[in-house]
Amino acid sequence: MKPITLALAAALALTGVSVYAFAQTRSNAAERVQRDPNAFERLRNWVMDQGGTERAFANQYWDHHETGLYVEARTGEALFVSTAKFDSGSGWPSFTQPVDPNAVTLHEDNAFGMRRIEVRSAHGGAHLGHVFDDGPRASGGQRFCINSCAIRFIPRARMEAEGYGRYLPLVDGAN
């Protein structure tokens, strides 16, 4: 009985040390990002070029509710409208469908021992995120889970001036 108690105590102690070390690492990382003006661009490049994923609940658009259009961050190609955005609870912006099925390409992704479907921008070929089959059933059942740093938001009031006027009916709720 004594070896089990010792093993349990050791495991708890190590877990506490790990949690403390992890918390310190995250804290230090946040401080480094604040001091580094190029950190966001490096994050964007890592996500879009190498298939990375930004942190959940710590990105620009996960809780964004303004009306407008989301475009690919580099090319400006139209990807998603705000009327297709929903709160999935995942911590990333989630959409039921792209603005046009041809705006994105889907690719099998077996990284990290998981089978997922990667979403890439059709024109730019950049990694955007993944699509899952756990979205709202009434809207087709898909959840396009997208990295905020891979997209840019165009408010409805600026869409016409920035050349996206043809998407206004979709933003205004027309199918």
C-alpha atoms as a PDB file:
ATOM      1  CA  MET A   1       0.000   0.000   0.000  1.00  0.00           C
ATOM      2  CA  LYS A   2       2.847   2.351   0.782  1.00  0.00           C
ATOM      3  CA  PRO A   3       4.390   2.240  -2.772  1.00  0.00           C
ATOM      4  CA  ILE A   4       1.028   3.196  -4.275  1.00  0.00           C
ATOM      5  CA  THR A   5       0.694   6.160  -1.906  1.00  0.00           C
ATOM      6  CA  LEU A   6       4.231   7.275  -2.731  1.00  0.00           C
ATOM      7  CA  ALA A   7       3.580   6.953  -6.465  1.00  0.00           C
ATOM      8  CA  LEU A   8       0.355   8.936  -6.177  1.00  0.00           C
ATOM      9  CA  ALA A   9       2.058  11.675  -4.162  1.00  0.00           C
ATOM     10  CA  ALA A  10       4.901  11.842  -6.697  1.00  0.00           C
ATOM     11  CA  ALA A  11       2.440  12.048  -9.602  1.00  0.00           C
ATOM     12  CA  LEU A  12       0.506  14.859  -7.939  1.00  0.00           C
ATOM     13  CA  ALA A  13       3.688  16.751  -7.178  1.00  0.00           C
ATOM     14  CA  LEU A  14       4.929  16.423 -10.751  1.00  0.00           C
ATOM     15  CA  THR A  15       1.550  17.489 -12.118  1.00  0.00           C
ATOM     16  CA  GLY A  16       1.645  20.612  -9.965  1.00  0.00           C
ATOM     17  CA  VAL A  17       5.136  21.436 -11.192  1.00  0.00           C
ATOM     18  CA  SER A  18       4.031  20.876 -14.803  1.00  0.00           C
ATOM     19  CA  VAL A  19       1.014  23.154 -14.414  1.00  0.00           C
ATOM     20  CA  TYR A  20       3.186  25.853 -12.846  1.00  0.00           C
ATOM     21  CA  ALA A  21       5.812  25.525 -15.596  1.00  0.00           C
ATOM     22  CA  PHE A  22       3.120  25.632 -18.304  1.00  0.00           C
ATOM     23  CA  ALA A  23       1.569  28.734 -16.763  1.00  0.00           C
ATOM     24  CA  GLN A  24       4.979  30.402 -16.659  1.00  0.00           C
ATOM     25  CA  THR A  25       5.663  29.457 -20.277  1.00  0.00           C
ATOM     26  CA  ARG A  26       2.348  30.933 -21.449  1.00  0.00           C
ATOM     27  CA  SER A  27       2.924  34.085 -19.440  1.00  0.00           C
ATOM     28  CA  ASN A  28       6.417  34.546 -20.820  1.00  0.00           C
ATOM     29  CA  ALA A  29       5.202  33.867 -24.354  1.00  0.00           C
ATOM     30  CA  ALA A  30       2.531  36.567 -24.030  1.00  0.00           C
ATOM     31  CA  GLU A  31       5.149  39.067 -22.848  1.00  0.00           C
ATOM     32  CA  ARG A  32       7.421  38.204 -25.786  1.00  0.00           C
ATOM     33  CA  VAL A  33       4.547  38.704 -28.264  1.00  0.00           C
ATOM     34  CA  GLN A  34       3.808  42.150 -26.806  1.00  0.00           C
ATOM     35  CA  ARG A  35       7.458  43.186 -27.191  1.00  0.00           C
ATOM     36  CA  ASP A  36       7.752  41.794 -30.732  1.00  0.00           C
ATOM     37  CA  PRO A  37       5.987  43.876 -33.405  1.00  0.00           C
ATOM     38  CA  ASN A  38       6.471  41.086 -35.986  1.00  0.00           C
ATOM     39  CA  ALA A  39       4.886  38.338 -33.872  1.00  0.00           C
ATOM     40  CA  PHE A  40       1.477  38.535 -35.580  1.00  0.00           C
ATOM     41  CA  GLU A  41       3.000  38.342 -39.059  1.00  0.00           C
ATOM     42  CA  ARG A  42       5.056  35.307 -38.026  1.00  0.00           C
ATOM     43  CA  LEU A  43       1.925  33.674 -36.571  1.00  0.00           C
ATOM     44  CA  ARG A  44       0.008  34.380 -39.785  1.00  0.00           C
ATOM     45  CA  ASN A  45       2.808  32.922 -41.907  1.00  0.00           C
ATOM     46  CA  TRP A  46       3.046  29.825 -39.698  1.00  0.00           C
ATOM     47  CA  VAL A  47      -0.709  29.241 -39.875  1.00  0.00           C
ATOM     48  CA  MET A  48      -1.211  29.989 -43.572  1.00  0.00           C
ATOM     49  CA  ASP A  49       2.021  28.489 -44.952  1.00  0.00           C
ATOM     50  CA  GLN A  50       2.659  25.586 -42.599  1.00  0.00           C
ATOM     51  CA  GLY A  51      -0.830  24.586 -41.489  1.00  0.00           C
ATOM     52  CA  GLY A  52      -0.521  25.866 -37.937  1.00  0.00           C
ATOM     53  CA  THR A  53      -3.380  26.695 -35.596  1.00  0.00           C
ATOM     54  CA  GLU A  54      -3.698  29.783 -33.429  1.00  0.00           C
ATOM     55  CA  ARG A  55      -4.890  29.479 -29.831  1.00  0.00           C
ATOM     56  CA  ALA A  56      -8.593  29.080 -29.159  1.00  0.00           C
ATOM     57  CA  PHE A  57     -10.385  32.005 -27.484  1.00  0.00           C
ATOM     58  CA  ALA A  58      -7.272  34.188 -27.986  1.00  0.00           C
ATOM     59  CA  ASN A  59      -7.808  35.308 -31.565  1.00  0.00           C
ATOM     60  CA  GLN A  60      -9.411  38.305 -33.234  1.00  0.00           C
ATOM     61  CA  TYR A  61     -12.680  36.956 -34.633  1.00  0.00           C
ATOM     62  CA  TRP A  62     -13.835  34.077 -32.421  1.00  0.00           C
ATOM     63  CA  ASP A  63     -16.334  36.364 -30.648  1.00  0.00           C
ATOM     64  CA  HIS A  64     -16.857  38.922 -33.432  1.00  0.00           C
ATOM     65  CA  HIS A  65     -20.475  39.739 -34.323  1.00  0.00           C
ATOM     66  CA  GLU A  66     -20.336  42.692 -36.723  1.00  0.00           C
ATOM     67  CA  THR A  67     -22.100  42.437 -40.097  1.00  0.00           C
ATOM     68  CA  GLY A  68     -19.818  42.084 -43.108  1.00  0.00           C
ATOM     69  CA  LEU A  69     -17.539  39.872 -45.151  1.00  0.00           C
ATOM     70  CA  TYR A  70     -14.489  37.781 -44.218  1.00  0.00           C
ATOM     71  CA  VAL A  71     -11.783  37.607 -46.886  1.00  0.00           C
ATOM     72  CA  GLU A  72      -8.476  35.772 -47.177  1.00  0.00           C
ATOM     73  CA  ALA A  73      -5.890  37.863 -45.330  1.00  0.00           C
ATOM     74  CA  ARG A  74      -3.352  38.001 -48.159  1.00  0.00           C
ATOM     75  CA  THR A  75      -5.274  37.802 -51.438  1.00  0.00           C
ATOM     76  CA  GLY A  76      -8.539  39.447 -50.407  1.00  0.00           C
ATOM     77  CA  GLU A  77     -10.602  36.655 -51.952  1.00  0.00           C
ATOM     78  CA  ALA A  78     -14.119  36.564 -50.465  1.00  0.00           C
ATOM     79  CA  LEU A  79     -14.546  33.541 -48.185  1.00  0.00           C
ATOM     80  CA  PHE A  80     -17.369  33.847 -45.631  1.00  0.00           C
ATOM     81  CA  VAL A  81     -20.220  36.217 -44.792  1.00  0.00           C
ATOM     82  CA  SER A  82     -21.267  37.179 -41.285  1.00  0.00           C
ATOM     83  CA  THR A  83     -24.716  35.631 -41.814  1.00  0.00           C
ATOM     84  CA  ALA A  84     -23.017  32.210 -42.076  1.00  0.00           C
ATOM     85  CA  LYS A  85     -21.051  32.736 -38.829  1.00  0.00           C
ATOM     86  CA  PHE A  86     -22.178  31.029 -35.630  1.00  0.00           C
ATOM     87  CA  ASP A  87     -20.908  30.455 -32.111  1.00  0.00           C
ATOM     88  CA  SER A  88     -19.639  26.885 -32.062  1.00  0.00           C
ATOM     89  CA  GLY A  89     -18.075  27.172 -28.617  1.00  0.00           C
ATOM     90  CA  SER A  90     -14.737  26.112 -30.130  1.00  0.00           C
ATOM     91  CA  GLY A  91     -12.907  29.412 -29.629  1.00  0.00           C
ATOM     92  CA  TRP A  92     -12.345  30.002 -33.351  1.00  0.00           C
ATOM     93  CA  PRO A  93     -14.592  31.739 -35.866  1.00  0.00           C
ATOM     94  CA  SER A  94     -16.963  29.138 -37.289  1.00  0.00           C
ATOM     95  CA  PHE A  95     -19.082  29.330 -40.413  1.00  0.00           C
ATOM     96  CA  THR A  96     -21.752  27.052 -41.886  1.00  0.00           C
ATOM     97  CA  GLN A  97     -20.569  27.523 -45.473  1.00  0.00           C
ATOM     98  CA  PRO A  98     -18.224  29.550 -47.666  1.00  0.00           C
ATOM     99  CA  VAL A  99     -19.541  32.490 -49.677  1.00  0.00           C
ATOM    100  CA  ASP A 100     -19.101  30.277 -52.768  1.00  0.00           C
ATOM    101  CA  PRO A 101     -18.211  26.558 -52.756  1.00  0.00           C
ATOM    102  CA  ASN A 102     -15.386  27.377 -55.176  1.00  0.00           C
ATOM    103  CA  ALA A 103     -13.852  29.916 -52.768  1.00  0.00           C
ATOM    104  CA  VAL A 104     -12.165  27.133 -50.797  1.00  0.00           C
ATOM    105  CA  THR A 105     -10.570  23.777 -51.517  1.00  0.00           C
ATOM    106  CA  LEU A 106     -10.766  20.790 -49.192  1.00  0.00           C
ATOM    107  CA  HIS A 107      -7.898  18.385 -48.550  1.00  0.00           C
ATOM    108  CA  GLU A 108      -7.523  15.276 -46.400  1.00  0.00           C
ATOM    109  CA  ASP A 109      -5.301  15.993 -43.378  1.00  0.00           C
ATOM    110  CA  ASN A 110      -3.987  13.044 -41.367  1.00  0.00           C
ATOM    111  CA  ALA A 111      -1.546  15.009 -39.199  1.00  0.00           C
ATOM    112  CA  PHE A 112      -1.212  14.206 -35.498  1.00  0.00           C
ATOM    113  CA  GLY A 113      -2.946  10.850 -35.892  1.00  0.00           C
ATOM    114  CA  MET A 114      -6.316  12.458 -36.705  1.00  0.00           C
ATOM    115  CA  ARG A 115      -8.368  12.349 -39.887  1.00  0.00           C
ATOM    116  CA  ARG A 116      -9.558  15.857 -40.644  1.00  0.00           C
ATOM    117  CA  ILE A 117     -10.482  17.879 -43.701  1.00  0.00           C
ATOM    118  CA  GLU A 118      -8.259  20.918 -44.229  1.00  0.00           C
ATOM    119  CA  VAL A 119      -9.718  24.115 -45.699  1.00  0.00           C
ATOM    120  CA  ARG A 120      -7.514  26.174 -48.031  1.00  0.00           C
ATOM    121  CA  SER A 121      -8.271  29.354 -49.945  1.00  0.00           C
ATOM    122  CA  ALA A 122      -8.870  28.472 -53.598  1.00  0.00           C
ATOM    123  CA  HIS A 123      -6.912  31.338 -55.142  1.00  0.00           C
ATOM    124  CA  GLY A 124      -4.119  31.810 -52.603  1.00  0.00           C
ATOM    125  CA  GLY A 125      -3.803  28.163 -51.566  1.00  0.00           C
ATOM    126  CA  ALA A 126      -3.292  29.193 -47.930  1.00  0.00           C
ATOM    127  CA  HIS A 127      -4.265  27.030 -44.957  1.00  0.00           C
ATOM    128  CA  LEU A 128      -7.353  28.514 -43.301  1.00  0.00           C
ATOM    129  CA  GLY A 129      -8.487  25.818 -40.868  1.00  0.00           C
ATOM    130  CA  HIS A 130     -10.611  22.654 -40.992  1.00  0.00           C
ATOM    131  CA  VAL A 131     -14.204  21.656 -41.720  1.00  0.00           C
ATOM    132  CA  PHE A 132     -16.138  19.307 -39.435  1.00  0.00           C
ATOM    133  CA  ASP A 133     -19.550  17.650 -39.637  1.00  0.00           C
ATOM    134  CA  ASP A 134     -20.801  18.988 -36.294  1.00  0.00           C
ATOM    135  CA  GLY A 135     -22.297  22.291 -37.429  1.00  0.00           C
ATOM    136  CA  PRO A 136     -25.940  23.362 -37.236  1.00  0.00           C
ATOM    137  CA  ARG A 137     -28.076  20.699 -38.959  1.00  0.00           C
ATOM    138  CA  ALA A 138     -30.536  23.303 -40.271  1.00  0.00           C
ATOM    139  CA  SER A 139     -27.660  24.939 -42.202  1.00  0.00           C
ATOM    140  CA  GLY A 140     -26.180  21.783 -43.709  1.00  0.00           C
ATOM    141  CA  GLY A 141     -24.342  20.378 -40.689  1.00  0.00           C
ATOM    142  CA  GLN A 142     -20.889  21.711 -41.476  1.00  0.00           C
ATOM    143  CA  ARG A 143     -18.596  23.808 -39.279  1.00  0.00           C
ATOM    144  CA  PHE A 144     -15.820  25.630 -41.091  1.00  0.00           C
ATOM    145  CA  CYS A 145     -13.440  26.286 -38.193  1.00  0.00           C
ATOM    146  CA  ILE A 146     -11.125  29.067 -39.404  1.00  0.00           C
ATOM    147  CA  ASN A 147      -8.019  30.728 -37.933  1.00  0.00           C
ATOM    148  CA  SER A 148      -8.633  34.452 -37.386  1.00  0.00           C
ATOM    149  CA  CYS A 149      -5.145  35.389 -38.541  1.00  0.00           C
ATOM    150  CA  ALA A 150      -5.853  33.821 -41.957  1.00  0.00           C
ATOM    151  CA  ILE A 151      -8.829  36.104 -42.634  1.00  0.00           C
ATOM    152  CA  ARG A 152      -9.599  39.816 -42.643  1.00  0.00           C
ATOM    153  CA  PHE A 153     -12.985  41.362 -41.901  1.00  0.00           C
ATOM    154  CA  ILE A 154     -14.624  43.951 -44.165  1.00  0.00           C
ATOM    155  CA  PRO A 155     -17.483  45.769 -42.372  1.00  0.00           C
ATOM    156  CA  ARG A 156     -20.710  46.026 -44.363  1.00  0.00           C
ATOM    157  CA  ALA A 157     -20.358  49.819 -44.608  1.00  0.00           C
ATOM    158  CA  ARG A 158     -16.963  49.417 -46.382  1.00  0.00           C
ATOM    159  CA  MET A 159     -17.809  46.517 -48.696  1.00  0.00           C
ATOM    160  CA  GLU A 160     -18.898  48.594 -51.710  1.00  0.00           C
ATOM    161  CA  ALA A 161     -15.884  50.932 -51.441  1.00  0.00           C
ATOM    162  CA  GLU A 162     -13.483  47.986 -51.203  1.00  0.00           C
ATOM    163  CA  GLY A 163     -14.944  46.223 -54.252  1.00  0.00           C
ATOM    164  CA  TYR A 164     -17.134  43.639 -52.512  1.00  0.00           C
ATOM    165  CA  GLY A 165     -20.547  45.141 -53.321  1.00  0.00           C
ATOM    166  CA  ARG A 166     -21.725  41.979 -55.110  1.00  0.00           C
ATOM    167  CA  TYR A 167     -21.714  40.179 -51.719  1.00  0.00           C
ATOM    168  CA  LEU A 168     -24.050  42.686 -50.015  1.00  0.00           C
ATOM    169  CA  PRO A 169     -27.197  40.586 -50.681  1.00  0.00           C
ATOM    170  CA  LEU A 170     -25.549  37.628 -48.880  1.00  0.00           C
ATOM    171  CA  VAL A 171     -24.503  39.825 -45.962  1.00  0.00           C
ATOM    172  CA  ASP A 172     -28.019  41.253 -45.801  1.00  0.00           C
ATOM    173  CA  GLY A 173     -29.458  37.746 -45.481  1.00  0.00           C
ATOM    174  CA  ALA A 174     -30.519  36.906 -49.041  1.00  0.00           C
ATOM    175  CA  ASN A 175     -29.759  33.292 -49.999  1.00  0.00           C
END
